[in-house]
């Protein structure tokens, strides 16, 4: 049950960034207890609590497609990529009005099988994802 936190650490290391640099997270976990436990482990490992700090204060904004669309099966990862792309595109429009630039994002994927994966997306200078 520690596969998701390990996958996230590997993705961050490969991208050369820290968890504090993450601008947004897409997590496609359904409501079963194992998924909730893994997500909790990931939160505590990447964004450990500080005295008096609430969870919402230390986590980047979350996308939870499974909560909206339900179990999308094999389409889960492409859906997460499309939703994060839309988030980047929307934020690029807002940046014309002085909003801060978008940053790196994590897309966390877990399934019923014991495979776990995390992708780190980083915008490049011209607004496209690398």
N, C-alpha and C. Protein backbone atom coordinates (compact mmCIF):
# COMPACT_ATOMS: atom_id res chain seq x y z
N UNK A 1 0.81 -1.20 0.00
CA UNK A 1 0.00 0.00 0.00
C UNK A 1 0.85 1.26 0.00
N UNK A 2 2.13 1.12 -0.27
CA UNK A 2 3.00 2.30 -0.33
C UNK A 2 3.47 2.59 -1.74
N UNK A 3 2.85 1.93 -2.72
CA UNK A 3 3.26 2.10 -4.12
C UNK A 3 3.02 3.48 -4.65
N UNK A 4 1.89 4.09 -4.32
CA UNK A 4 1.57 5.42 -4.83
C UNK A 4 2.54 6.48 -4.28
N UNK A 5 2.83 6.50 -2.98
CA UNK A 5 3.82 7.47 -2.49
C UNK A 5 5.20 7.27 -3.12
N UNK A 6 5.60 6.02 -3.30
CA UNK A 6 6.91 5.76 -3.92
C UNK A 6 6.92 6.23 -5.38
N UNK A 7 5.84 5.95 -6.10
CA UNK A 7 5.76 6.39 -7.49
C UNK A 7 5.82 7.91 -7.58
N UNK A 8 5.16 8.60 -6.66
CA UNK A 8 5.18 10.07 -6.65
C UNK A 8 6.58 10.59 -6.36
N UNK A 9 7.27 9.97 -5.42
CA UNK A 9 8.64 10.39 -5.11
C UNK A 9 9.55 10.20 -6.31
N UNK A 10 9.41 9.08 -7.01
CA UNK A 10 10.22 8.83 -8.20
C UNK A 10 9.92 9.86 -9.30
N UNK A 11 8.65 10.19 -9.49
CA UNK A 11 8.27 11.17 -10.52
C UNK A 11 8.85 12.54 -10.19
N UNK A 12 8.77 12.94 -8.92
CA UNK A 12 9.33 14.24 -8.52
C UNK A 12 10.84 14.27 -8.68
N UNK A 13 11.51 13.18 -8.31
CA UNK A 13 12.96 13.10 -8.45
C UNK A 13 13.36 13.18 -9.92
N UNK A 14 12.65 12.44 -10.78
CA UNK A 14 12.96 12.46 -12.21
C UNK A 14 12.73 13.85 -12.81
N UNK A 15 11.75 14.58 -12.29
CA UNK A 15 11.47 15.93 -12.79
C UNK A 15 12.40 16.98 -12.18
N UNK A 16 13.11 16.60 -11.12
CA UNK A 16 14.03 17.53 -10.48
C UNK A 16 13.34 18.60 -9.67
N UNK A 17 12.18 18.28 -9.09
CA UNK A 17 11.44 19.25 -8.28
C UNK A 17 11.08 18.63 -6.94
N UNK A 18 10.62 19.46 -6.01
CA UNK A 18 10.15 18.96 -4.72
C UNK A 18 8.63 19.00 -4.68
N UNK A 19 8.07 18.36 -3.70
CA UNK A 19 6.61 18.34 -3.55
C UNK A 19 6.06 19.75 -3.36
N UNK A 20 6.83 20.63 -2.75
CA UNK A 20 6.37 22.00 -2.53
C UNK A 20 6.27 22.81 -3.82
N UNK A 21 6.88 22.30 -4.91
CA UNK A 21 6.80 22.98 -6.20
C UNK A 21 5.55 22.58 -6.97
N UNK A 22 4.82 21.58 -6.49
CA UNK A 22 3.65 21.06 -7.22
C UNK A 22 2.53 22.07 -7.17
N UNK A 23 2.01 22.41 -8.32
CA UNK A 23 0.96 23.42 -8.48
C UNK A 23 -0.44 22.81 -8.39
N UNK A 24 -0.60 21.57 -8.86
CA UNK A 24 -1.90 20.89 -8.84
C UNK A 24 -1.68 19.38 -8.88
N UNK A 25 -2.68 18.64 -8.41
CA UNK A 25 -2.62 17.18 -8.39
C UNK A 25 -3.94 16.63 -8.91
N UNK A 26 -3.84 15.63 -9.78
CA UNK A 26 -5.02 14.87 -10.20
C UNK A 26 -4.87 13.48 -9.61
N UNK A 27 -5.84 13.09 -8.82
CA UNK A 27 -5.78 11.77 -8.18
C UNK A 27 -7.06 11.03 -8.54
N UNK A 28 -6.90 9.88 -9.16
CA UNK A 28 -8.04 9.12 -9.64
C UNK A 28 -8.25 7.90 -8.76
N UNK A 29 -8.56 8.13 -7.52
CA UNK A 29 -8.78 7.04 -6.59
C UNK A 29 -10.25 6.93 -6.26
N UNK A 30 -10.75 5.73 -6.31
CA UNK A 30 -12.14 5.50 -5.95
C UNK A 30 -12.26 5.40 -4.43
N UNK A 31 -13.43 5.15 -3.92
CA UNK A 31 -13.68 5.26 -2.49
C UNK A 31 -13.35 4.06 -1.63
N UNK A 32 -12.68 3.03 -2.16
CA UNK A 32 -12.41 1.89 -1.29
C UNK A 32 -11.32 2.23 -0.28
N UNK A 33 -11.31 1.56 0.87
CA UNK A 33 -10.40 1.92 1.96
C UNK A 33 -8.92 1.87 1.58
N UNK A 34 -8.53 0.93 0.73
CA UNK A 34 -7.12 0.83 0.35
C UNK A 34 -6.69 2.10 -0.38
N UNK A 35 -7.51 2.57 -1.31
CA UNK A 35 -7.17 3.79 -2.04
C UNK A 35 -7.09 4.99 -1.11
N UNK A 36 -8.03 5.10 -0.19
CA UNK A 36 -7.99 6.22 0.75
C UNK A 36 -6.74 6.17 1.62
N UNK A 37 -6.34 4.96 2.05
CA UNK A 37 -5.14 4.81 2.86
C UNK A 37 -3.89 5.20 2.06
N UNK A 38 -3.81 4.74 0.82
CA UNK A 38 -2.67 5.10 -0.02
C UNK A 38 -2.58 6.60 -0.23
N UNK A 39 -3.71 7.24 -0.49
CA UNK A 39 -3.72 8.69 -0.69
C UNK A 39 -3.28 9.40 0.58
N UNK A 40 -3.72 8.91 1.73
CA UNK A 40 -3.29 9.49 3.00
C UNK A 40 -1.78 9.34 3.18
N UNK A 41 -1.24 8.17 2.84
CA UNK A 41 0.20 7.96 2.94
C UNK A 41 0.97 8.92 2.04
N UNK A 42 0.45 9.11 0.83
CA UNK A 42 1.10 10.03 -0.11
C UNK A 42 1.08 11.46 0.44
N UNK A 43 -0.06 11.89 0.95
CA UNK A 43 -0.17 13.24 1.52
C UNK A 43 0.82 13.44 2.65
N UNK A 44 0.88 12.49 3.55
CA UNK A 44 1.77 12.63 4.72
C UNK A 44 3.25 12.57 4.34
N UNK A 45 3.57 11.78 3.31
CA UNK A 45 4.97 11.67 2.91
C UNK A 45 5.42 12.90 2.14
N UNK A 46 4.61 13.38 1.20
CA UNK A 46 5.03 14.50 0.37
C UNK A 46 4.78 15.86 1.03
N UNK A 47 3.68 15.97 1.73
CA UNK A 47 3.33 17.24 2.38
C UNK A 47 3.06 16.98 3.85
N UNK A 48 4.12 16.74 4.64
CA UNK A 48 3.92 16.40 6.05
C UNK A 48 3.27 17.56 6.82
N UNK A 49 2.43 17.21 7.78
CA UNK A 49 1.76 18.27 8.56
C UNK A 49 2.74 19.00 9.47
N UNK A 50 2.50 20.26 9.61
CA UNK A 50 3.22 21.06 10.58
C UNK A 50 2.25 21.42 11.69
N UNK A 51 2.78 21.82 12.82
CA UNK A 51 1.94 22.10 13.98
C UNK A 51 0.86 23.11 13.63
N UNK A 52 -0.39 22.73 13.86
CA UNK A 52 -1.52 23.62 13.67
C UNK A 52 -1.95 23.82 12.22
N UNK A 53 -1.26 23.19 11.30
CA UNK A 53 -1.58 23.39 9.89
C UNK A 53 -2.67 22.41 9.44
N UNK A 54 -3.67 22.92 8.75
CA UNK A 54 -4.74 22.07 8.24
C UNK A 54 -4.31 21.45 6.92
N UNK A 55 -4.94 20.33 6.57
CA UNK A 55 -4.62 19.62 5.34
C UNK A 55 -4.79 20.51 4.12
N UNK A 56 -5.85 21.26 4.06
CA UNK A 56 -6.12 22.12 2.91
C UNK A 56 -5.06 23.21 2.73
N UNK A 57 -4.37 23.56 3.80
CA UNK A 57 -3.35 24.60 3.72
C UNK A 57 -2.05 24.09 3.13
N UNK A 58 -1.80 22.80 3.20
CA UNK A 58 -0.52 22.28 2.74
C UNK A 58 -0.59 21.55 1.40
N UNK A 59 -1.78 21.16 0.96
CA UNK A 59 -1.91 20.43 -0.29
C UNK A 59 -2.16 21.38 -1.46
N UNK A 60 -1.61 21.05 -2.63
CA UNK A 60 -1.98 21.82 -3.82
C UNK A 60 -3.42 21.51 -4.20
N UNK A 61 -4.03 22.31 -5.05
CA UNK A 61 -5.41 22.03 -5.48
C UNK A 61 -5.51 20.64 -6.12
N UNK A 62 -6.62 19.97 -5.84
CA UNK A 62 -6.83 18.60 -6.31
C UNK A 62 -7.90 18.52 -7.38
N UNK A 63 -7.67 17.64 -8.34
CA UNK A 63 -8.70 17.21 -9.27
C UNK A 63 -9.01 15.77 -8.90
N UNK A 64 -10.29 15.44 -8.78
CA UNK A 64 -10.71 14.07 -8.45
C UNK A 64 -11.73 13.60 -9.48
N UNK A 65 -11.26 13.18 -10.67
CA UNK A 65 -12.20 12.80 -11.72
C UNK A 65 -13.09 11.62 -11.35
N UNK A 66 -12.60 10.67 -10.55
CA UNK A 66 -13.43 9.52 -10.19
C UNK A 66 -14.63 9.95 -9.36
N UNK A 67 -14.48 11.02 -8.59
CA UNK A 67 -15.60 11.53 -7.82
C UNK A 67 -16.70 12.13 -8.68
N UNK A 68 -16.33 12.63 -9.85
CA UNK A 68 -17.29 13.23 -10.76
C UNK A 68 -17.81 12.24 -11.80
N UNK A 69 -16.89 11.51 -12.42
CA UNK A 69 -17.25 10.63 -13.52
C UNK A 69 -17.44 9.18 -13.11
N UNK A 70 -17.03 8.81 -11.91
CA UNK A 70 -17.07 7.41 -11.48
C UNK A 70 -15.90 6.64 -12.07
N UNK A 71 -16.01 5.33 -12.06
CA UNK A 71 -14.95 4.47 -12.57
C UNK A 71 -14.96 4.53 -14.10
N UNK A 72 -13.93 5.11 -14.67
CA UNK A 72 -13.85 5.24 -16.13
C UNK A 72 -12.99 4.16 -16.77
N UNK A 73 -12.50 3.23 -15.98
CA UNK A 73 -11.75 2.11 -16.50
C UNK A 73 -10.47 2.54 -17.20
N UNK A 74 -10.25 2.01 -18.41
CA UNK A 74 -9.03 2.28 -19.16
C UNK A 74 -8.93 3.73 -19.59
N UNK A 75 -10.02 4.46 -19.58
CA UNK A 75 -10.00 5.87 -19.98
C UNK A 75 -9.56 6.79 -18.84
N UNK A 76 -9.29 6.26 -17.67
CA UNK A 76 -8.97 7.10 -16.51
C UNK A 76 -7.75 7.98 -16.75
N UNK A 77 -6.65 7.40 -17.17
CA UNK A 77 -5.44 8.20 -17.37
C UNK A 77 -5.60 9.21 -18.50
N UNK A 78 -6.11 8.82 -19.68
CA UNK A 78 -6.33 9.85 -20.71
C UNK A 78 -7.27 10.96 -20.25
N UNK A 79 -8.27 10.61 -19.47
CA UNK A 79 -9.18 11.62 -18.94
C UNK A 79 -8.44 12.58 -18.02
N UNK A 80 -7.60 12.05 -17.14
CA UNK A 80 -6.83 12.91 -16.24
C UNK A 80 -5.90 13.84 -17.03
N UNK A 81 -5.26 13.31 -18.06
CA UNK A 81 -4.38 14.15 -18.88
C UNK A 81 -5.17 15.26 -19.57
N UNK A 82 -6.33 14.92 -20.09
CA UNK A 82 -7.16 15.93 -20.76
C UNK A 82 -7.64 17.00 -19.78
N UNK A 83 -8.04 16.58 -18.59
CA UNK A 83 -8.51 17.55 -17.59
C UNK A 83 -7.38 18.46 -17.12
N UNK A 84 -6.18 17.90 -16.96
CA UNK A 84 -5.06 18.75 -16.54
C UNK A 84 -4.67 19.69 -17.67
N UNK A 85 -4.74 19.22 -18.90
CA UNK A 85 -4.47 20.09 -20.05
C UNK A 85 -5.47 21.26 -20.06
N UNK A 86 -6.73 20.96 -19.81
CA UNK A 86 -7.75 22.02 -19.76
C UNK A 86 -7.46 23.00 -18.63
N UNK A 87 -6.97 22.50 -17.51
CA UNK A 87 -6.63 23.37 -16.39
C UNK A 87 -5.48 24.30 -16.77
N UNK A 88 -4.46 23.75 -17.43
CA UNK A 88 -3.35 24.58 -17.89
C UNK A 88 -3.83 25.62 -18.90
N UNK A 89 -4.66 25.21 -19.85
CA UNK A 89 -5.16 26.14 -20.87
C UNK A 89 -5.98 27.26 -20.23
N UNK A 90 -6.83 26.91 -19.28
CA UNK A 90 -7.63 27.93 -18.58
C UNK A 90 -6.73 28.89 -17.82
N UNK A 91 -5.73 28.34 -17.15
CA UNK A 91 -4.83 29.19 -16.37
C UNK A 91 -3.99 30.09 -17.28
N UNK A 92 -3.65 29.60 -18.47
CA UNK A 92 -2.91 30.42 -19.42
C UNK A 92 -3.74 31.64 -19.82
N UNK A 93 -5.05 31.44 -19.96
CA UNK A 93 -5.93 32.57 -20.27
C UNK A 93 -5.96 33.56 -19.11
N UNK A 94 -6.00 33.06 -17.88
CA UNK A 94 -6.03 33.93 -16.70
C UNK A 94 -4.73 34.69 -16.51
N UNK A 95 -3.61 34.09 -16.95
CA UNK A 95 -2.32 34.75 -16.75
C UNK A 95 -2.25 36.08 -17.51
N UNK A 96 -3.07 36.25 -18.54
CA UNK A 96 -3.11 37.54 -19.25
C UNK A 96 -3.60 38.66 -18.35
N UNK A 97 -4.30 38.28 -17.27
CA UNK A 97 -4.86 39.27 -16.35
C UNK A 97 -4.08 39.36 -15.04
N UNK A 98 -2.84 38.86 -15.06
CA UNK A 98 -1.98 39.02 -13.91
C UNK A 98 -1.95 37.86 -12.93
N UNK A 99 -2.65 36.78 -13.21
CA UNK A 99 -2.59 35.62 -12.33
C UNK A 99 -1.22 34.96 -12.48
N UNK A 100 -0.76 34.29 -11.44
CA UNK A 100 0.56 33.66 -11.48
C UNK A 100 0.60 32.55 -12.52
N UNK A 101 1.81 32.23 -12.94
CA UNK A 101 2.01 31.19 -13.95
C UNK A 101 1.70 29.81 -13.37
N UNK A 102 1.29 28.90 -14.24
CA UNK A 102 1.04 27.52 -13.83
C UNK A 102 2.38 26.85 -13.52
N UNK A 103 2.32 25.84 -12.68
CA UNK A 103 3.52 25.11 -12.30
C UNK A 103 3.39 23.63 -12.57
N UNK A 104 4.31 22.85 -12.04
CA UNK A 104 4.28 21.40 -12.25
C UNK A 104 3.04 20.76 -11.62
N UNK A 105 2.59 19.70 -12.25
CA UNK A 105 1.42 18.97 -11.76
C UNK A 105 1.74 17.49 -11.66
N UNK A 106 1.07 16.82 -10.74
CA UNK A 106 1.18 15.37 -10.62
C UNK A 106 -0.14 14.73 -11.03
N UNK A 107 -0.06 13.68 -11.79
CA UNK A 107 -1.23 12.87 -12.12
C UNK A 107 -0.99 11.50 -11.51
N UNK A 108 -1.81 11.15 -10.53
CA UNK A 108 -1.66 9.90 -9.78
C UNK A 108 -2.70 8.89 -10.25
N UNK A 109 -2.25 7.70 -10.58
CA UNK A 109 -3.14 6.67 -11.09
C UNK A 109 -2.97 5.39 -10.29
N UNK A 110 -4.08 4.83 -9.89
CA UNK A 110 -4.09 3.55 -9.18
C UNK A 110 -5.29 2.77 -9.68
N UNK A 111 -5.16 1.48 -9.67
CA UNK A 111 -6.22 0.62 -10.18
C UNK A 111 -6.42 -0.52 -9.20
N UNK A 112 -7.30 -1.43 -9.53
CA UNK A 112 -7.53 -2.59 -8.67
C UNK A 112 -6.31 -3.50 -8.60
N UNK A 113 -5.50 -3.51 -9.67
CA UNK A 113 -4.28 -4.30 -9.65
C UNK A 113 -3.22 -3.54 -8.87
N UNK A 114 -2.19 -4.20 -8.41
CA UNK A 114 -1.22 -3.50 -7.55
C UNK A 114 -0.25 -2.58 -8.28
N UNK A 115 -0.57 -2.17 -9.49
CA UNK A 115 0.29 -1.24 -10.23
C UNK A 115 -0.10 0.19 -9.86
N UNK A 116 0.90 1.03 -9.68
CA UNK A 116 0.68 2.43 -9.36
C UNK A 116 1.57 3.27 -10.26
N UNK A 117 1.09 4.43 -10.63
CA UNK A 117 1.90 5.29 -11.47
C UNK A 117 1.61 6.75 -11.19
N UNK A 118 2.63 7.57 -11.36
CA UNK A 118 2.50 9.01 -11.19
C UNK A 118 3.27 9.68 -12.32
N UNK A 119 2.64 10.64 -12.96
CA UNK A 119 3.25 11.41 -14.03
C UNK A 119 3.41 12.84 -13.52
N UNK A 120 4.57 13.41 -13.78
CA UNK A 120 4.79 14.82 -13.44
C UNK A 120 4.79 15.61 -14.74
N UNK A 121 3.90 16.57 -14.84
CA UNK A 121 3.82 17.48 -15.98
C UNK A 121 4.42 18.82 -15.57
N UNK A 122 5.23 19.37 -16.44
CA UNK A 122 5.80 20.70 -16.16
C UNK A 122 5.58 21.58 -17.38
N UNK A 123 5.02 22.76 -17.17
CA UNK A 123 4.87 23.68 -18.31
C UNK A 123 6.23 24.23 -18.71
N UNK A 124 6.43 24.44 -19.99
CA UNK A 124 7.67 25.09 -20.42
C UNK A 124 7.41 26.58 -20.62
N UNK A 125 8.38 27.29 -21.10
CA UNK A 125 8.28 28.76 -21.16
C UNK A 125 7.17 29.28 -22.04
N UNK A 126 6.78 28.52 -23.09
CA UNK A 126 5.74 29.06 -23.97
C UNK A 126 4.36 28.52 -23.63
N UNK A 127 4.20 27.94 -22.44
CA UNK A 127 2.89 27.53 -21.97
C UNK A 127 2.48 26.11 -22.32
N UNK A 128 3.28 25.43 -23.14
CA UNK A 128 2.96 24.04 -23.46
C UNK A 128 3.56 23.10 -22.41
N UNK A 129 2.96 21.96 -22.26
CA UNK A 129 3.44 21.00 -21.29
C UNK A 129 4.58 20.18 -21.86
N UNK A 130 5.54 19.84 -20.99
CA UNK A 130 6.69 19.01 -21.41
C UNK A 130 6.63 17.66 -20.72
